[in-house]
N, C-alpha and C. Protein backbone atom coordinates (compact mmCIF):
# COMPACT_ATOMS: atom_id res chain seq x y z
N MET A 1 -5.49 -39.46 27.27
CA MET A 1 -4.50 -40.12 26.44
C MET A 1 -3.13 -39.58 26.82
N ALA A 2 -2.25 -40.41 27.30
CA ALA A 2 -0.91 -40.01 27.71
C ALA A 2 -0.02 -39.85 26.49
N LYS A 3 0.77 -38.79 26.52
CA LYS A 3 1.70 -38.56 25.41
C LYS A 3 3.00 -39.30 25.67
N LYS A 4 3.59 -39.85 24.62
CA LYS A 4 4.83 -40.58 24.71
C LYS A 4 5.98 -39.59 24.77
N LYS A 5 6.92 -39.79 25.68
CA LYS A 5 8.08 -38.91 25.77
C LYS A 5 9.03 -39.26 24.64
N GLU A 6 9.58 -38.26 24.01
CA GLU A 6 10.49 -38.46 22.89
C GLU A 6 11.93 -38.48 23.39
N LYS A 7 12.70 -39.48 22.97
CA LYS A 7 14.12 -39.53 23.29
C LYS A 7 14.84 -38.61 22.31
N ILE A 8 15.73 -37.79 22.82
CA ILE A 8 16.40 -36.84 21.94
C ILE A 8 17.90 -37.13 21.85
N ASN A 9 18.47 -36.78 20.74
CA ASN A 9 19.91 -36.83 20.47
C ASN A 9 20.53 -38.22 20.58
N ILE A 10 19.79 -39.27 20.34
CA ILE A 10 20.36 -40.61 20.39
C ILE A 10 19.61 -41.54 19.43
N VAL A 11 20.34 -42.34 18.73
CA VAL A 11 19.74 -43.35 17.87
C VAL A 11 19.94 -44.72 18.49
N TYR A 12 21.18 -44.99 18.92
CA TYR A 12 21.49 -46.29 19.51
C TYR A 12 22.73 -46.13 20.37
N SER A 13 22.81 -46.84 21.48
CA SER A 13 23.98 -46.79 22.34
C SER A 13 24.27 -48.18 22.87
N THR A 14 25.58 -48.54 22.91
CA THR A 14 26.00 -49.82 23.47
C THR A 14 26.49 -49.66 24.90
N ASN A 15 26.51 -48.47 25.41
CA ASN A 15 26.94 -48.20 26.78
C ASN A 15 25.87 -48.69 27.75
N PRO A 16 26.18 -49.64 28.63
CA PRO A 16 25.15 -50.17 29.56
C PRO A 16 24.72 -49.15 30.61
N ASN A 17 25.53 -48.14 30.87
CA ASN A 17 25.20 -47.14 31.88
C ASN A 17 24.58 -45.88 31.27
N PHE A 18 24.23 -45.95 30.01
CA PHE A 18 23.69 -44.77 29.33
C PHE A 18 22.26 -44.49 29.79
N SER A 19 21.97 -43.22 30.00
CA SER A 19 20.59 -42.85 30.34
C SER A 19 20.10 -41.87 29.28
N TYR A 20 18.91 -42.12 28.81
CA TYR A 20 18.34 -41.29 27.76
C TYR A 20 17.96 -39.92 28.28
N GLU A 21 18.09 -38.92 27.40
CA GLU A 21 17.57 -37.59 27.70
C GLU A 21 16.18 -37.53 27.08
N PHE A 22 15.22 -37.08 27.86
CA PHE A 22 13.86 -36.97 27.35
C PHE A 22 13.53 -35.52 27.08
N ASP A 23 12.78 -35.32 26.01
CA ASP A 23 12.32 -33.99 25.65
C ASP A 23 11.30 -33.53 26.68
N GLU A 24 11.60 -32.42 27.35
CA GLU A 24 10.68 -31.88 28.36
C GLU A 24 9.50 -31.23 27.66
N GLU A 25 8.32 -31.55 28.14
CA GLU A 25 7.13 -30.92 27.58
C GLU A 25 6.82 -29.68 28.39
N ASN A 26 6.80 -28.55 27.73
CA ASN A 26 6.50 -27.30 28.40
C ASN A 26 5.04 -26.96 28.18
N GLU A 27 4.19 -27.50 29.03
CA GLU A 27 2.75 -27.25 28.93
C GLU A 27 2.47 -25.87 29.52
N LEU A 28 1.91 -25.01 28.70
CA LEU A 28 1.59 -23.66 29.15
C LEU A 28 0.41 -23.68 30.11
N GLU A 29 0.48 -22.81 31.09
CA GLU A 29 -0.64 -22.65 31.98
C GLU A 29 -1.61 -21.67 31.33
N THR A 30 -2.87 -21.99 31.36
CA THR A 30 -3.87 -21.16 30.70
C THR A 30 -4.09 -19.88 31.49
N LEU A 31 -3.99 -18.76 30.78
CA LEU A 31 -4.26 -17.46 31.40
C LEU A 31 -5.75 -17.33 31.68
N PRO A 32 -6.12 -16.54 32.69
CA PRO A 32 -7.54 -16.28 32.92
C PRO A 32 -8.18 -15.61 31.69
N ILE A 33 -9.47 -15.79 31.54
CA ILE A 33 -10.19 -15.29 30.36
C ILE A 33 -10.00 -13.79 30.18
N ASN A 34 -10.05 -13.02 31.27
CA ASN A 34 -9.95 -11.57 31.14
C ASN A 34 -8.55 -11.09 30.77
N GLN A 35 -7.53 -11.96 30.82
CA GLN A 35 -6.17 -11.58 30.43
C GLN A 35 -5.80 -12.07 29.03
N GLN A 36 -6.67 -12.84 28.40
CA GLN A 36 -6.41 -13.35 27.05
C GLN A 36 -6.64 -12.24 26.02
N LYS A 37 -5.70 -12.07 25.10
CA LYS A 37 -5.86 -11.12 23.99
C LYS A 37 -5.95 -11.93 22.71
N LEU A 38 -7.15 -12.00 22.15
CA LEU A 38 -7.38 -12.79 20.95
C LEU A 38 -7.57 -11.88 19.74
N TYR A 39 -7.11 -12.34 18.59
CA TYR A 39 -7.24 -11.60 17.34
C TYR A 39 -8.10 -12.42 16.39
N VAL A 40 -9.13 -11.78 15.82
CA VAL A 40 -10.04 -12.45 14.90
C VAL A 40 -9.82 -11.86 13.51
N SER A 41 -9.62 -12.71 12.52
CA SER A 41 -9.39 -12.23 11.15
C SER A 41 -9.96 -13.23 10.14
N ILE A 42 -10.06 -12.77 8.90
CA ILE A 42 -10.52 -13.61 7.78
C ILE A 42 -9.30 -13.97 6.95
N ASP A 43 -9.20 -15.22 6.54
CA ASP A 43 -8.06 -15.67 5.75
C ASP A 43 -8.55 -16.43 4.53
N ARG A 44 -7.89 -16.23 3.39
CA ARG A 44 -8.21 -16.94 2.15
C ARG A 44 -6.98 -17.61 1.54
N LYS A 45 -5.81 -17.36 2.11
CA LYS A 45 -4.57 -17.84 1.53
C LYS A 45 -4.47 -19.35 1.59
N GLN A 46 -4.09 -19.96 0.47
CA GLN A 46 -3.88 -21.40 0.33
C GLN A 46 -5.09 -22.21 0.75
N ARG A 47 -6.28 -21.68 0.48
CA ARG A 47 -7.51 -22.39 0.83
C ARG A 47 -8.46 -22.46 -0.36
N GLY A 48 -7.92 -22.33 -1.54
CA GLY A 48 -8.74 -22.44 -2.74
C GLY A 48 -9.74 -21.31 -2.88
N GLY A 49 -9.46 -20.14 -2.32
CA GLY A 49 -10.35 -19.00 -2.41
C GLY A 49 -11.47 -19.00 -1.38
N LYS A 50 -11.56 -20.04 -0.58
CA LYS A 50 -12.62 -20.11 0.43
C LYS A 50 -12.18 -19.35 1.69
N GLU A 51 -13.16 -18.73 2.32
CA GLU A 51 -12.86 -17.93 3.50
C GLU A 51 -12.92 -18.77 4.77
N VAL A 52 -12.01 -18.50 5.68
CA VAL A 52 -12.06 -19.06 7.02
C VAL A 52 -11.84 -17.93 8.02
N THR A 53 -12.36 -18.10 9.20
CA THR A 53 -12.15 -17.13 10.27
C THR A 53 -11.09 -17.70 11.20
N LEU A 54 -10.02 -16.91 11.43
CA LEU A 54 -8.93 -17.33 12.29
C LEU A 54 -9.02 -16.64 13.64
N ILE A 55 -8.80 -17.38 14.70
CA ILE A 55 -8.69 -16.81 16.04
C ILE A 55 -7.29 -17.13 16.52
N GLU A 56 -6.49 -16.09 16.75
CA GLU A 56 -5.08 -16.25 17.13
C GLU A 56 -4.82 -15.57 18.47
N GLY A 57 -3.70 -15.93 19.08
CA GLY A 57 -3.25 -15.26 20.28
C GLY A 57 -3.60 -15.94 21.59
N TYR A 58 -4.18 -17.13 21.54
CA TYR A 58 -4.56 -17.83 22.76
C TYR A 58 -3.31 -18.33 23.48
N ILE A 59 -3.23 -18.07 24.77
CA ILE A 59 -2.10 -18.54 25.57
C ILE A 59 -2.64 -19.52 26.60
N GLY A 60 -2.23 -20.77 26.47
CA GLY A 60 -2.69 -21.76 27.43
C GLY A 60 -2.53 -23.17 26.92
N ALA A 61 -3.13 -24.09 27.65
CA ALA A 61 -3.04 -25.51 27.35
C ALA A 61 -3.80 -25.84 26.06
N GLU A 62 -3.30 -26.83 25.36
CA GLU A 62 -3.91 -27.26 24.10
C GLU A 62 -5.36 -27.74 24.31
N GLU A 63 -5.59 -28.42 25.43
CA GLU A 63 -6.94 -28.93 25.72
C GLU A 63 -7.95 -27.78 25.88
N ASP A 64 -7.54 -26.70 26.55
CA ASP A 64 -8.42 -25.55 26.73
C ASP A 64 -8.71 -24.86 25.40
N LEU A 65 -7.70 -24.81 24.53
CA LEU A 65 -7.88 -24.22 23.21
C LEU A 65 -8.86 -25.05 22.38
N LYS A 66 -8.75 -26.36 22.45
CA LYS A 66 -9.68 -27.24 21.73
C LYS A 66 -11.10 -27.09 22.24
N GLU A 67 -11.23 -26.92 23.56
CA GLU A 67 -12.55 -26.73 24.15
C GLU A 67 -13.19 -25.42 23.67
N LEU A 68 -12.39 -24.36 23.62
CA LEU A 68 -12.89 -23.07 23.12
C LEU A 68 -13.28 -23.19 21.65
N GLY A 69 -12.45 -23.89 20.86
CA GLY A 69 -12.76 -24.10 19.45
C GLY A 69 -14.06 -24.86 19.25
N LYS A 70 -14.28 -25.86 20.08
CA LYS A 70 -15.52 -26.65 19.98
C LYS A 70 -16.72 -25.78 20.31
N LYS A 71 -16.60 -24.93 21.33
CA LYS A 71 -17.69 -24.04 21.72
C LYS A 71 -18.03 -23.06 20.59
N ILE A 72 -17.01 -22.51 19.95
CA ILE A 72 -17.23 -21.55 18.85
C ILE A 72 -17.87 -22.24 17.66
N LYS A 73 -17.38 -23.43 17.30
CA LYS A 73 -17.95 -24.18 16.18
C LYS A 73 -19.42 -24.49 16.43
N THR A 74 -19.76 -24.83 17.66
CA THR A 74 -21.15 -25.15 18.00
C THR A 74 -22.03 -23.91 17.87
N LYS A 75 -21.56 -22.78 18.39
CA LYS A 75 -22.34 -21.53 18.35
C LYS A 75 -22.56 -21.05 16.91
N CYS A 76 -21.55 -21.26 16.05
CA CYS A 76 -21.67 -20.81 14.66
C CYS A 76 -22.33 -21.86 13.77
N GLY A 77 -22.39 -23.10 14.22
CA GLY A 77 -23.02 -24.15 13.45
C GLY A 77 -22.23 -24.57 12.22
N VAL A 78 -20.90 -24.50 12.32
CA VAL A 78 -20.04 -24.85 11.19
C VAL A 78 -18.89 -25.72 11.67
N GLY A 79 -18.09 -26.18 10.74
CA GLY A 79 -16.92 -26.98 11.06
C GLY A 79 -15.70 -26.11 11.24
N GLY A 80 -14.64 -26.74 11.66
CA GLY A 80 -13.39 -26.03 11.85
C GLY A 80 -12.36 -26.95 12.49
N SER A 81 -11.23 -26.37 12.86
CA SER A 81 -10.18 -27.17 13.49
C SER A 81 -9.31 -26.28 14.37
N VAL A 82 -8.46 -26.94 15.14
CA VAL A 82 -7.49 -26.25 15.98
C VAL A 82 -6.12 -26.74 15.57
N LYS A 83 -5.29 -25.83 15.03
CA LYS A 83 -3.95 -26.19 14.57
C LYS A 83 -2.99 -25.05 14.89
N ASP A 84 -1.78 -25.40 15.28
CA ASP A 84 -0.71 -24.43 15.49
C ASP A 84 -1.14 -23.25 16.36
N ASN A 85 -1.81 -23.52 17.46
CA ASN A 85 -2.29 -22.49 18.39
C ASN A 85 -3.26 -21.51 17.74
N GLU A 86 -3.98 -21.94 16.72
CA GLU A 86 -5.00 -21.13 16.06
C GLU A 86 -6.29 -21.94 16.01
N ILE A 87 -7.40 -21.23 16.06
CA ILE A 87 -8.69 -21.85 15.84
C ILE A 87 -9.14 -21.44 14.44
N ILE A 88 -9.45 -22.40 13.60
CA ILE A 88 -9.87 -22.13 12.23
C ILE A 88 -11.33 -22.51 12.11
N ILE A 89 -12.18 -21.54 11.76
CA ILE A 89 -13.61 -21.75 11.61
C ILE A 89 -13.96 -21.56 10.13
N GLN A 90 -14.68 -22.50 9.54
CA GLN A 90 -15.03 -22.42 8.13
C GLN A 90 -16.05 -21.31 7.92
N GLY A 91 -15.78 -20.43 6.96
CA GLY A 91 -16.71 -19.36 6.63
C GLY A 91 -16.32 -18.03 7.26
N ASN A 92 -17.09 -16.99 6.90
CA ASN A 92 -16.83 -15.64 7.38
C ASN A 92 -17.75 -15.35 8.57
N PHE A 93 -17.24 -15.56 9.77
CA PHE A 93 -17.99 -15.33 11.01
C PHE A 93 -17.26 -14.35 11.91
N LYS A 94 -16.52 -13.42 11.31
CA LYS A 94 -15.68 -12.50 12.07
C LYS A 94 -16.47 -11.72 13.12
N ASP A 95 -17.59 -11.11 12.71
CA ASP A 95 -18.37 -10.29 13.64
C ASP A 95 -19.05 -11.14 14.72
N LYS A 96 -19.59 -12.27 14.33
CA LYS A 96 -20.29 -13.14 15.28
C LYS A 96 -19.32 -13.67 16.34
N ILE A 97 -18.13 -14.09 15.91
CA ILE A 97 -17.14 -14.62 16.84
C ILE A 97 -16.60 -13.50 17.73
N PHE A 98 -16.43 -12.30 17.17
CA PHE A 98 -15.99 -11.15 17.96
C PHE A 98 -16.97 -10.88 19.10
N ASP A 99 -18.27 -10.86 18.77
CA ASP A 99 -19.30 -10.62 19.79
C ASP A 99 -19.33 -11.75 20.81
N LEU A 100 -19.25 -12.98 20.34
CA LEU A 100 -19.30 -14.14 21.22
C LEU A 100 -18.14 -14.13 22.23
N LEU A 101 -16.92 -13.86 21.75
CA LEU A 101 -15.76 -13.85 22.63
C LEU A 101 -15.79 -12.67 23.59
N SER A 102 -16.31 -11.54 23.12
CA SER A 102 -16.42 -10.36 23.99
C SER A 102 -17.37 -10.64 25.14
N LYS A 103 -18.50 -11.29 24.85
CA LYS A 103 -19.46 -11.63 25.89
C LYS A 103 -18.89 -12.62 26.90
N GLU A 104 -18.00 -13.50 26.44
CA GLU A 104 -17.36 -14.48 27.33
C GLU A 104 -16.36 -13.81 28.27
N GLY A 105 -15.87 -12.61 27.90
CA GLY A 105 -14.93 -11.89 28.75
C GLY A 105 -13.53 -11.78 28.19
N TYR A 106 -13.31 -12.28 26.98
CA TYR A 106 -11.99 -12.18 26.34
C TYR A 106 -11.75 -10.76 25.83
N GLN A 107 -10.48 -10.36 25.78
CA GLN A 107 -10.10 -9.12 25.11
C GLN A 107 -9.92 -9.46 23.64
N VAL A 108 -10.76 -8.91 22.78
CA VAL A 108 -10.76 -9.32 21.37
C VAL A 108 -10.51 -8.10 20.49
N LYS A 109 -9.71 -8.32 19.43
CA LYS A 109 -9.47 -7.28 18.43
C LYS A 109 -9.68 -7.88 17.06
N LYS A 110 -10.26 -7.07 16.17
CA LYS A 110 -10.39 -7.51 14.78
C LYS A 110 -9.11 -7.17 14.05
N LYS A 111 -8.71 -8.07 13.19
CA LYS A 111 -7.47 -7.92 12.45
C LYS A 111 -7.80 -7.96 10.97
N GLY A 112 -7.25 -7.09 10.19
CA GLY A 112 -7.53 -7.06 8.75
C GLY A 112 -8.64 -6.09 8.42
N GLY A 113 -8.80 -5.79 7.13
CA GLY A 113 -9.75 -4.76 6.71
C GLY A 113 -11.15 -5.22 6.42
N ASN A 114 -11.41 -6.51 6.44
CA ASN A 114 -12.74 -6.99 6.06
C ASN A 114 -13.76 -6.63 7.09
């Protein structure tokens, strides 16, 4: 699915020689697995008291992040989503995800006291 380029700083122009400025998309290049530093934590804020496991710190393309999120959701057998460069997994799977990512070769740290 191709993304539409956004025109910036212009609403309308009557100048026939005007050329639009397009917002440049800065797609990050995905770091190798052994250079990724991921942080795994439990979060309850603004979720109605329900626990979710957050995976933060991924540096790379959005597509690769979604693929990693899908793999983790499958291994844990639960739902989740990928938003704002974070993977959100429903439930408390901090230890399981830590072990899973470590076996894959990621540098993983637990965050928080739980």
